[in-house]
């Protein structure tokens, strides 16, 4: 197994792992936090880790980089027809 990244919280790691799994990767979260009962433990050991099989490492890392480093396009957002205009200066 190859480490993809180390995350500050288990929630961040689970989101990244879910994205990888949804895209066909065999990812798992490795966390030493007493099954989620003691999340502060992971801070002492440097966070929570997501791993994938060695042969999937490069592709998984590229996917996470593409998703998390992509700019957000607010111009393409759908406007609500009933929205109130912002009148702040």
C-alpha atoms as a PDB file:
ATOM      1  CA  UNK A   1       0.000   0.000   0.000  1.00  0.00           C
ATOM      2  CA  UNK A   2       1.183   3.504  -0.833  1.00  0.00           C
ATOM      3  CA  UNK A   3       0.311   6.639   1.095  1.00  0.00           C
ATOM      4  CA  UNK A   4      -1.601   9.236  -0.905  1.00  0.00           C
ATOM      5  CA  UNK A   5      -1.667  11.989   1.672  1.00  0.00           C
ATOM      6  CA  UNK A   6      -1.848  12.788   5.372  1.00  0.00           C
ATOM      7  CA  UNK A   7      -4.867  14.815   6.480  1.00  0.00           C
ATOM      8  CA  UNK A   8      -5.400  16.910   9.596  1.00  0.00           C
ATOM      9  CA  UNK A   9      -8.813  15.418  10.349  1.00  0.00           C
ATOM     10  CA  UNK A  10     -10.502  12.094   9.704  1.00  0.00           C
ATOM     11  CA  UNK A  11     -13.331  13.940   7.925  1.00  0.00           C
ATOM     12  CA  UNK A  12     -10.906  15.314   5.327  1.00  0.00           C
ATOM     13  CA  UNK A  13      -9.389  11.870   4.866  1.00  0.00           C
ATOM     14  CA  UNK A  14     -12.814  10.215   4.493  1.00  0.00           C
ATOM     15  CA  UNK A  15     -13.832  12.773   1.839  1.00  0.00           C
ATOM     16  CA  UNK A  16     -10.668  12.145  -0.161  1.00  0.00           C
ATOM     17  CA  UNK A  17     -11.054   8.388   0.247  1.00  0.00           C
ATOM     18  CA  UNK A  18     -14.688   8.537  -0.874  1.00  0.00           C
ATOM     19  CA  UNK A  19     -13.694  10.478  -3.986  1.00  0.00           C
ATOM     20  CA  UNK A  20     -11.073   7.878  -4.810  1.00  0.00           C
ATOM     21  CA  UNK A  21     -13.439   4.957  -4.226  1.00  0.00           C
ATOM     22  CA  UNK A  22     -16.118   6.606  -6.379  1.00  0.00           C
ATOM     23  CA  UNK A  23     -13.552   6.741  -9.178  1.00  0.00           C
ATOM     24  CA  UNK A  24     -12.604   3.074  -8.954  1.00  0.00           C
ATOM     25  CA  UNK A  25      -9.622   3.165  -6.606  1.00  0.00           C
ATOM     26  CA  UNK A  26      -9.134   0.722  -3.731  1.00  0.00           C
ATOM     27  CA  UNK A  27      -8.503   3.413  -1.109  1.00  0.00           C
ATOM     28  CA  UNK A  28      -8.701   3.085   2.658  1.00  0.00           C
ATOM     29  CA  UNK A  29      -8.314   5.450   5.601  1.00  0.00           C
ATOM     30  CA  UNK A  30      -5.765   4.608   8.278  1.00  0.00           C
ATOM     31  CA  UNK A  31      -6.509   6.434  11.514  1.00  0.00           C
ATOM     32  CA  UNK A  32      -5.480   5.871  15.105  1.00  0.00           C
ATOM     33  CA  UNK A  33      -8.339   7.708  16.786  1.00  0.00           C
ATOM     34  CA  UNK A  34      -9.999   4.943  18.834  1.00  0.00           C
ATOM     35  CA  UNK A  35     -12.619   4.355  16.175  1.00  0.00           C
ATOM     36  CA  UNK A  36     -13.494   8.035  15.993  1.00  0.00           C
ATOM     37  CA  UNK A  37     -14.043   8.322  19.754  1.00  0.00           C
ATOM     38  CA  UNK A  38     -10.792  10.188  20.386  1.00  0.00           C
ATOM     39  CA  UNK A  39     -10.051  12.341  17.316  1.00  0.00           C
ATOM     40  CA  UNK A  40      -7.408  14.309  19.199  1.00  0.00           C
ATOM     41  CA  UNK A  41      -5.124  11.265  19.176  1.00  0.00           C
ATOM     42  CA  UNK A  42      -4.504  11.657  15.442  1.00  0.00           C
ATOM     43  CA  UNK A  43      -3.040  15.136  16.012  1.00  0.00           C
ATOM     44  CA  UNK A  44      -0.316  13.618  18.187  1.00  0.00           C
ATOM     45  CA  UNK A  45       0.725  11.158  15.496  1.00  0.00           C
ATOM     46  CA  UNK A  46       0.564  13.596  12.608  1.00  0.00           C
ATOM     47  CA  UNK A  47      -2.903  13.137  11.180  1.00  0.00           C
ATOM     48  CA  UNK A  48      -4.916  10.552   9.292  1.00  0.00           C
ATOM     49  CA  UNK A  49      -3.597   8.774   6.212  1.00  0.00           C
ATOM     50  CA  UNK A  50      -5.259   7.637   2.973  1.00  0.00           C
ATOM     51  CA  UNK A  51      -3.581   4.736   1.186  1.00  0.00           C
ATOM     52  CA  UNK A  52      -4.104   2.895  -2.110  1.00  0.00           C
ATOM     53  CA  UNK A  53      -2.393  -0.136  -3.686  1.00  0.00           C
ATOM     54  CA  UNK A  54       1.072   0.681  -5.024  1.00  0.00           C
ATOM     55  CA  UNK A  55       0.019   0.306  -8.660  1.00  0.00           C
ATOM     56  CA  UNK A  56      -2.771   2.910  -8.227  1.00  0.00           C
ATOM     57  CA  UNK A  57      -0.652   5.541  -6.451  1.00  0.00           C
ATOM     58  CA  UNK A  58       0.223   7.855  -9.346  1.00  0.00           C
ATOM     59  CA  UNK A  59      -3.283   7.918 -10.823  1.00  0.00           C
ATOM     60  CA  UNK A  60      -4.936   8.457  -7.422  1.00  0.00           C
ATOM     61  CA  UNK A  61      -2.569  11.291  -6.568  1.00  0.00           C
ATOM     62  CA  UNK A  62      -3.244  12.929  -9.948  1.00  0.00           C
ATOM     63  CA  UNK A  63      -7.010  12.741  -9.354  1.00  0.00           C
ATOM     64  CA  UNK A  64      -6.797  14.350  -5.917  1.00  0.00           C
ATOM     65  CA  UNK A  65      -4.457  17.050  -7.220  1.00  0.00           C
ATOM     66  CA  UNK A  66      -6.832  17.819 -10.094  1.00  0.00           C
ATOM     67  CA  UNK A  67      -9.868  18.045  -7.822  1.00  0.00           C
ATOM     68  CA  UNK A  68      -8.418  19.918  -4.858  1.00  0.00           C
ATOM     69  CA  UNK A  69      -6.161  22.265  -6.827  1.00  0.00           C
ATOM     70  CA  UNK A  70      -8.788  23.199  -9.435  1.00  0.00           C
ATOM     71  CA  UNK A  71     -10.028  26.790  -9.324  1.00  0.00           C
ATOM     72  CA  UNK A  72     -13.666  27.316  -8.416  1.00  0.00           C
ATOM     73  CA  UNK A  73     -15.740  28.890 -11.205  1.00  0.00           C
ATOM     74  CA  UNK A  74     -18.287  31.155  -9.555  1.00  0.00           C
ATOM     75  CA  UNK A  75     -19.192  32.739 -12.898  1.00  0.00           C
ATOM     76  CA  UNK A  76     -21.011  29.593 -13.981  1.00  0.00           C
ATOM     77  CA  UNK A  77     -23.158  29.441 -10.836  1.00  0.00           C
ATOM     78  CA  UNK A  78     -26.908  29.327 -11.353  1.00  0.00           C
ATOM     79  CA  UNK A  79     -28.713  32.352  -9.982  1.00  0.00           C
ATOM     80  CA  UNK A  80     -31.906  31.980  -8.004  1.00  0.00           C
ATOM     81  CA  UNK A  81     -34.729  33.890  -9.719  1.00  0.00           C
ATOM     82  CA  UNK A  82     -36.165  34.927  -6.364  1.00  0.00           C
ATOM     83  CA  UNK A  83     -32.856  36.101  -4.941  1.00  0.00           C
ATOM     84  CA  UNK A  84     -32.682  39.540  -3.396  1.00  0.00           C
ATOM     85  CA  UNK A  85     -30.027  41.831  -4.810  1.00  0.00           C
ATOM     86  CA  UNK A  86     -27.209  42.658  -2.441  1.00  0.00           C
ATOM     87  CA  UNK A  87     -27.433  46.397  -1.687  1.00  0.00           C
ATOM     88  CA  UNK A  88     -24.248  46.663   0.341  1.00  0.00           C
ATOM     89  CA  UNK A  89     -21.674  49.182  -0.905  1.00  0.00           C
END
